[in-house]
Amino acid sequence: TWEAKGIRVFLYLCSIYRGDMASLFKESTTVLIIGAGFSGIGAACMLSKQLGIEDYVVMERDPEIGGTWYANTYPGAACDVPSHFYSYSFDLNPKWSRAFATQPEILAYIQDVAKRYGVLPHVLTRTH
């Protein structure tokens, strides 16, 4: 099928640019998630937890997960949504330190959830 051919071409291109990237993909990779920010990590957790899908890859352009909470580290960076609403429904965080969490705290929460749900081995960073 064209999908299988597309995966093979993608694998070939990956092996040219980064040999380790190709090892994450198989011709039967079920799901590709673009971005390891709040939504991408949440989607990966739900794939595994609710659907039992472990055959997925998360591609992230930055060297670490976290999306905007990784990329934006300026002084005073914080969420403009109350912290208790800015949590994954499947892993609520009752320990926010303030009503509007700061960037380091949100990033730590995302990274902790990704680690506890086994997402990190599926993440491929520095992809453009």
N, C-alpha and C. Protein backbone atom coordinates (compact mmCIF):
# COMPACT_ATOMS: atom_id res chain seq x y z
N THR A 1 0.84 -1.19 0.00
CA THR A 1 0.00 0.00 0.00
C THR A 1 0.88 1.24 0.00
N TRP A 2 0.26 2.37 -0.34
CA TRP A 2 1.03 3.62 -0.35
C TRP A 2 1.51 3.99 1.05
N GLU A 3 0.73 3.60 2.11
CA GLU A 3 1.16 3.91 3.47
C GLU A 3 2.47 3.19 3.79
N ALA A 4 2.53 1.91 3.46
CA ALA A 4 3.74 1.14 3.73
C ALA A 4 4.92 1.70 2.96
N LYS A 5 4.70 2.08 1.71
CA LYS A 5 5.78 2.67 0.92
C LYS A 5 6.22 3.98 1.53
N GLY A 6 5.27 4.77 2.01
CA GLY A 6 5.59 6.04 2.65
C GLY A 6 6.42 5.85 3.90
N ILE A 7 6.08 4.86 4.69
CA ILE A 7 6.84 4.55 5.90
C ILE A 7 8.25 4.14 5.53
N ARG A 8 8.40 3.31 4.47
CA ARG A 8 9.73 2.89 4.05
C ARG A 8 10.57 4.08 3.60
N VAL A 9 9.98 4.99 2.85
CA VAL A 9 10.71 6.19 2.41
C VAL A 9 11.10 7.01 3.62
N PHE A 10 10.16 7.17 4.55
CA PHE A 10 10.45 7.93 5.76
C PHE A 10 11.59 7.28 6.54
N LEU A 11 11.55 5.95 6.69
CA LEU A 11 12.63 5.25 7.38
C LEU A 11 13.97 5.46 6.70
N TYR A 12 13.96 5.43 5.37
CA TYR A 12 15.20 5.64 4.63
C TYR A 12 15.75 7.03 4.89
N LEU A 13 14.87 8.03 4.83
CA LEU A 13 15.31 9.40 5.09
C LEU A 13 15.81 9.56 6.52
N CYS A 14 15.15 8.92 7.46
CA CYS A 14 15.59 8.97 8.85
C CYS A 14 16.98 8.36 9.00
N SER A 15 17.21 7.25 8.34
CA SER A 15 18.49 6.59 8.47
C SER A 15 19.62 7.43 7.88
N ILE A 16 19.30 8.26 6.90
CA ILE A 16 20.31 9.14 6.32
C ILE A 16 20.68 10.24 7.30
N TYR A 17 19.66 10.86 7.92
CA TYR A 17 19.89 12.02 8.77
C TYR A 17 20.21 11.67 10.21
N ARG A 18 19.57 10.67 10.74
CA ARG A 18 19.81 10.25 12.12
C ARG A 18 19.52 8.76 12.22
N GLY A 19 20.55 7.97 12.26
CA GLY A 19 20.36 6.53 12.28
C GLY A 19 19.48 6.04 13.42
N ASP A 20 19.56 6.70 14.59
CA ASP A 20 18.77 6.23 15.72
C ASP A 20 17.28 6.48 15.52
N MET A 21 16.92 7.45 14.68
CA MET A 21 15.51 7.76 14.43
C MET A 21 14.81 6.58 13.76
N ALA A 22 15.46 6.00 12.81
CA ALA A 22 14.85 4.91 12.05
C ALA A 22 14.52 3.72 12.95
N SER A 23 15.31 3.51 13.99
CA SER A 23 15.08 2.36 14.85
C SER A 23 13.78 2.46 15.64
N LEU A 24 13.24 3.66 15.79
CA LEU A 24 11.98 3.83 16.51
C LEU A 24 10.78 3.42 15.69
N PHE A 25 10.92 3.47 14.38
CA PHE A 25 9.79 3.21 13.50
C PHE A 25 9.84 1.79 12.97
N LYS A 26 8.65 1.26 12.76
CA LYS A 26 8.51 -0.02 12.10
C LYS A 26 7.51 0.21 10.98
N GLU A 27 7.48 -0.68 10.06
CA GLU A 27 6.49 -0.53 8.98
C GLU A 27 5.08 -0.60 9.52
N SER A 28 4.92 -1.12 10.72
CA SER A 28 3.58 -1.26 11.28
C SER A 28 3.27 -0.22 12.36
N THR A 29 4.06 0.85 12.46
CA THR A 29 3.78 1.87 13.47
C THR A 29 2.34 2.33 13.30
N THR A 30 1.59 2.25 14.39
CA THR A 30 0.16 2.53 14.33
C THR A 30 -0.16 4.01 14.35
N VAL A 31 0.51 4.77 15.24
CA VAL A 31 0.18 6.18 15.42
C VAL A 31 1.44 7.02 15.45
N LEU A 32 1.38 8.16 14.78
CA LEU A 32 2.45 9.16 14.83
C LEU A 32 1.85 10.41 15.43
N ILE A 33 2.42 10.88 16.53
CA ILE A 33 1.98 12.10 17.20
C ILE A 33 3.02 13.17 16.93
N ILE A 34 2.58 14.30 16.42
CA ILE A 34 3.48 15.41 16.13
C ILE A 34 3.43 16.38 17.29
N GLY A 35 4.54 16.50 18.00
CA GLY A 35 4.66 17.44 19.10
C GLY A 35 4.54 16.77 20.45
N ALA A 36 5.49 17.08 21.35
CA ALA A 36 5.50 16.52 22.70
C ALA A 36 5.19 17.60 23.72
N GLY A 37 4.23 18.45 23.37
CA GLY A 37 3.75 19.44 24.33
C GLY A 37 2.65 18.82 25.17
N PHE A 38 1.87 19.68 25.81
CA PHE A 38 0.81 19.22 26.71
C PHE A 38 -0.15 18.26 26.00
N SER A 39 -0.60 18.61 24.81
CA SER A 39 -1.56 17.78 24.08
C SER A 39 -0.94 16.49 23.56
N GLY A 40 0.26 16.58 23.00
CA GLY A 40 0.91 15.39 22.46
C GLY A 40 1.21 14.35 23.53
N ILE A 41 1.68 14.81 24.68
CA ILE A 41 1.94 13.88 25.78
C ILE A 41 0.63 13.30 26.30
N GLY A 42 -0.39 14.13 26.39
CA GLY A 42 -1.70 13.63 26.82
C GLY A 42 -2.25 12.58 25.87
N ALA A 43 -2.11 12.83 24.57
CA ALA A 43 -2.58 11.86 23.58
C ALA A 43 -1.82 10.54 23.70
N ALA A 44 -0.51 10.63 23.90
CA ALA A 44 0.29 9.41 24.04
C ALA A 44 -0.12 8.61 25.27
N CYS A 45 -0.35 9.30 26.37
CA CYS A 45 -0.78 8.61 27.60
C CYS A 45 -2.12 7.92 27.39
N MET A 46 -3.03 8.57 26.73
CA MET A 46 -4.36 8.00 26.52
C MET A 46 -4.33 6.83 25.54
N LEU A 47 -3.45 6.90 24.53
CA LEU A 47 -3.31 5.77 23.61
C LEU A 47 -2.99 4.51 24.40
N SER A 48 -2.04 4.65 25.29
CA SER A 48 -1.59 3.51 26.08
C SER A 48 -2.62 3.11 27.13
N LYS A 49 -3.08 4.09 27.90
CA LYS A 49 -3.95 3.79 29.04
C LYS A 49 -5.34 3.33 28.63
N GLN A 50 -5.99 4.04 27.74
CA GLN A 50 -7.38 3.72 27.41
C GLN A 50 -7.53 2.78 26.23
N LEU A 51 -6.63 2.89 25.26
CA LEU A 51 -6.78 2.06 24.06
C LEU A 51 -5.83 0.88 23.99
N GLY A 52 -4.85 0.85 24.87
CA GLY A 52 -3.90 -0.26 24.88
C GLY A 52 -2.94 -0.26 23.70
N ILE A 53 -2.78 0.89 23.05
CA ILE A 53 -1.88 1.00 21.89
C ILE A 53 -0.50 1.40 22.38
N GLU A 54 0.47 0.55 22.14
CA GLU A 54 1.85 0.84 22.53
C GLU A 54 2.74 1.08 21.33
N ASP A 55 2.18 0.93 20.14
CA ASP A 55 2.94 1.07 18.90
C ASP A 55 2.75 2.48 18.35
N TYR A 56 3.41 3.47 18.99
CA TYR A 56 3.29 4.85 18.57
C TYR A 56 4.63 5.56 18.72
N VAL A 57 4.76 6.67 18.02
CA VAL A 57 5.96 7.51 18.10
C VAL A 57 5.49 8.95 18.26
N VAL A 58 6.17 9.68 19.13
CA VAL A 58 5.92 11.11 19.32
C VAL A 58 7.15 11.85 18.80
N MET A 59 6.94 12.72 17.83
CA MET A 59 8.05 13.49 17.26
C MET A 59 8.01 14.91 17.81
N GLU A 60 9.15 15.39 18.29
CA GLU A 60 9.27 16.71 18.89
C GLU A 60 10.48 17.44 18.32
N ARG A 61 10.32 18.70 17.94
CA ARG A 61 11.44 19.44 17.34
C ARG A 61 12.47 19.89 18.37
N ASP A 62 12.05 20.13 19.60
CA ASP A 62 12.98 20.59 20.64
C ASP A 62 13.77 19.42 21.20
N PRO A 63 14.83 19.71 21.94
CA PRO A 63 15.62 18.62 22.52
C PRO A 63 14.97 17.94 23.73
N GLU A 64 13.89 18.50 24.24
CA GLU A 64 13.18 17.93 25.38
C GLU A 64 11.68 18.02 25.15
N ILE A 65 10.91 17.26 25.92
CA ILE A 65 9.46 17.35 25.83
C ILE A 65 8.98 18.57 26.61
N GLY A 66 7.72 18.96 26.37
CA GLY A 66 7.14 20.05 27.12
C GLY A 66 6.53 21.14 26.26
N GLY A 67 6.85 21.12 24.97
CA GLY A 67 6.27 22.10 24.05
C GLY A 67 6.56 23.53 24.46
N THR A 68 5.51 24.33 24.51
CA THR A 68 5.68 25.74 24.84
C THR A 68 6.25 25.93 26.24
N TRP A 69 5.98 24.97 27.14
CA TRP A 69 6.48 25.08 28.51
C TRP A 69 7.97 24.73 28.58
N TYR A 70 8.50 24.10 27.58
CA TYR A 70 9.95 23.89 27.48
C TYR A 70 10.59 25.10 26.79
N ALA A 71 9.96 25.55 25.73
CA ALA A 71 10.56 26.59 24.88
C ALA A 71 10.54 27.98 25.49
N ASN A 72 9.54 28.29 26.27
CA ASN A 72 9.39 29.66 26.81
C ASN A 72 9.78 29.71 28.28
N THR A 73 10.96 30.23 28.52
CA THR A 73 11.50 30.26 29.88
C THR A 73 11.72 31.69 30.37
N TYR A 74 11.05 32.64 29.79
CA TYR A 74 11.24 34.03 30.18
C TYR A 74 10.75 34.26 31.61
N PRO A 75 11.28 35.28 32.29
CA PRO A 75 10.86 35.57 33.67
C PRO A 75 9.35 35.81 33.76
N GLY A 76 8.72 35.16 34.70
CA GLY A 76 7.30 35.34 34.93
C GLY A 76 6.40 34.47 34.07
N ALA A 77 6.97 33.60 33.25
CA ALA A 77 6.13 32.72 32.40
C ALA A 77 5.25 31.86 33.29
N ALA A 78 3.94 31.93 33.02
CA ALA A 78 2.98 31.19 33.84
C ALA A 78 1.72 30.95 33.02
N CYS A 79 0.88 30.09 33.52
CA CYS A 79 -0.37 29.76 32.87
C CYS A 79 -1.42 30.82 33.19
N ASP A 80 -2.25 31.15 32.20
CA ASP A 80 -3.32 32.12 32.43
C ASP A 80 -4.65 31.43 32.70
N VAL A 81 -4.58 30.12 32.89
CA VAL A 81 -5.75 29.31 33.25
C VAL A 81 -5.49 28.79 34.66
N PRO A 82 -6.48 28.79 35.54
CA PRO A 82 -6.25 28.25 36.89
C PRO A 82 -5.64 26.84 36.83
N SER A 83 -4.65 26.64 37.64
CA SER A 83 -3.86 25.40 37.62
C SER A 83 -4.70 24.14 37.72
N HIS A 84 -5.73 24.14 38.56
CA HIS A 84 -6.50 22.90 38.72
C HIS A 84 -7.24 22.52 37.44
N PHE A 85 -7.44 23.49 36.52
CA PHE A 85 -8.02 23.17 35.21
C PHE A 85 -6.94 22.75 34.23
N TYR A 86 -5.70 23.11 34.50
CA TYR A 86 -4.60 22.83 33.58
C TYR A 86 -3.90 21.55 34.02
N SER A 87 -4.65 20.50 34.10
CA SER A 87 -4.14 19.18 34.47
C SER A 87 -4.78 18.16 33.54
N TYR A 88 -4.13 17.04 33.38
CA TYR A 88 -4.72 15.96 32.60
C TYR A 88 -5.88 15.37 33.42
N SER A 89 -6.99 15.11 32.78
CA SER A 89 -8.14 14.54 33.48
C SER A 89 -7.84 13.16 34.04
N PHE A 90 -6.91 12.45 33.43
CA PHE A 90 -6.55 11.11 33.88
C PHE A 90 -5.45 11.12 34.93
N ASP A 91 -4.89 12.30 35.23
CA ASP A 91 -3.82 12.41 36.21
C ASP A 91 -3.83 13.82 36.81
N LEU A 92 -4.84 14.09 37.59
CA LEU A 92 -4.98 15.41 38.19
C LEU A 92 -3.82 15.71 39.13
N ASN A 93 -3.50 16.99 39.22
CA ASN A 93 -2.40 17.40 40.09
C ASN A 93 -2.97 18.26 41.22
N PRO A 94 -3.17 17.67 42.39
CA PRO A 94 -3.71 18.44 43.51
C PRO A 94 -2.64 19.26 44.24
N LYS A 95 -1.41 19.18 43.76
CA LYS A 95 -0.29 19.81 44.49
C LYS A 95 0.26 21.08 43.82
N TRP A 96 -0.52 21.72 42.96
CA TRP A 96 -0.04 22.97 42.37
C TRP A 96 0.31 23.94 43.51
N SER A 97 1.39 24.66 43.37
CA SER A 97 1.83 25.54 44.44
C SER A 97 1.09 26.88 44.46
N ARG A 98 0.42 27.19 43.37
CA ARG A 98 -0.29 28.47 43.29
C ARG A 98 -1.47 28.35 42.34
N ALA A 99 -2.32 29.34 42.35
CA ALA A 99 -3.54 29.32 41.53
C ALA A 99 -3.22 29.31 40.04
N PHE A 100 -2.16 30.00 39.63
CA PHE A 100 -1.73 30.05 38.23
C PHE A 100 -0.27 29.59 38.19
N ALA A 101 -0.10 28.33 37.86
CA ALA A 101 1.23 27.70 37.92
C ALA A 101 2.24 28.38 37.00
N THR A 102 3.49 28.35 37.43
CA THR A 102 4.58 28.92 36.64
C THR A 102 5.13 27.90 35.65
N GLN A 103 5.89 28.39 34.70
CA GLN A 103 6.47 27.54 33.65
C GLN A 103 7.25 26.36 34.21
N PRO A 104 8.16 26.55 35.18
CA PRO A 104 8.92 25.38 35.65
C PRO A 104 8.03 24.30 36.27
N GLU A 105 6.99 24.72 36.97
CA GLU A 105 6.11 23.75 37.62
C GLU A 105 5.27 22.98 36.60
N ILE A 106 4.79 23.68 35.58
CA ILE A 106 4.01 23.01 34.53
C ILE A 106 4.89 22.05 33.75
N LEU A 107 6.09 22.49 33.40
CA LEU A 107 7.01 21.62 32.67
C LEU A 107 7.33 20.37 33.49
N ALA A 108 7.58 20.54 34.78
CA ALA A 108 7.87 19.38 35.63
C ALA A 108 6.68 18.42 35.68
N TYR A 109 5.48 18.97 35.70
CA TYR A 109 4.26 18.13 35.71
C TYR A 109 4.17 17.31 34.41
N ILE A 110 4.36 17.96 33.27
CA ILE A 110 4.29 17.27 31.97
C ILE A 110 5.36 16.17 31.92
N GLN A 111 6.57 16.49 32.32
CA GLN A 111 7.66 15.52 32.28
C GLN A 111 7.41 14.35 33.23
N ASP A 112 6.85 14.63 34.39
CA ASP A 112 6.55 13.58 35.35
C ASP A 112 5.48 12.64 34.82
N VAL A 113 4.42 13.19 34.25
CA VAL A 113 3.35 12.37 33.69
C VAL A 113 3.90 11.49 32.56
N ALA A 114 4.70 12.09 31.68
CA ALA A 114 5.27 11.33 30.56
C ALA A 114 6.14 10.17 31.07
N LYS A 115 6.89 10.43 32.09
CA LYS A 115 7.75 9.39 32.66
C LYS A 115 6.92 8.27 33.30
N ARG A 116 5.94 8.64 34.11
CA ARG A 116 5.13 7.64 34.82
C ARG A 116 4.26 6.80 33.88
N TYR A 117 3.87 7.37 32.74
CA TYR A 117 3.02 6.62 31.80
C TYR A 117 3.83 5.92 30.71
N GLY A 118 5.15 5.97 30.81
CA GLY A 118 6.00 5.24 29.86
C GLY A 118 6.05 5.82 28.47
N VAL A 119 5.86 7.14 28.36
CA VAL A 119 5.85 7.79 27.05
C VAL A 119 7.26 8.06 26.54
N LEU A 120 8.20 8.32 27.42
CA LEU A 120 9.53 8.79 27.01
C LEU A 120 10.24 7.88 26.00
N PRO A 121 10.17 6.56 26.11
CA PRO A 121 10.83 5.72 25.10
C PRO A 121 10.24 5.87 23.70
N HIS A 122 9.05 6.43 23.60
CA HIS A 122 8.38 6.61 22.32
C HIS A 122 8.66 7.98 21.70
N VAL A 123 9.36 8.85 22.44
CA VAL A 123 9.58 10.22 21.98
C VAL A 123 10.88 10.33 21.20
N LEU A 124 10.79 11.00 20.08
CA LEU A 124 11.93 11.28 19.23
C LEU A 124 12.10 12.80 19.20
N THR A 125 13.18 13.29 19.80
CA THR A 125 13.40 14.73 19.88
C THR A 125 14.30 15.22 18.74
N ARG A 126 14.37 16.54 18.63
CA ARG A 126 15.21 17.23 17.62
C ARG A 126 14.85 16.84 16.20
N THR A 127 13.56 16.71 15.95
CA THR A 127 13.09 16.42 14.59
C THR A 127 12.50 17.68 14.01
N HIS A 128 12.79 17.95 12.78
CA HIS A 128 12.28 19.16 12.12
C HIS A 128 11.59 18.78 10.84
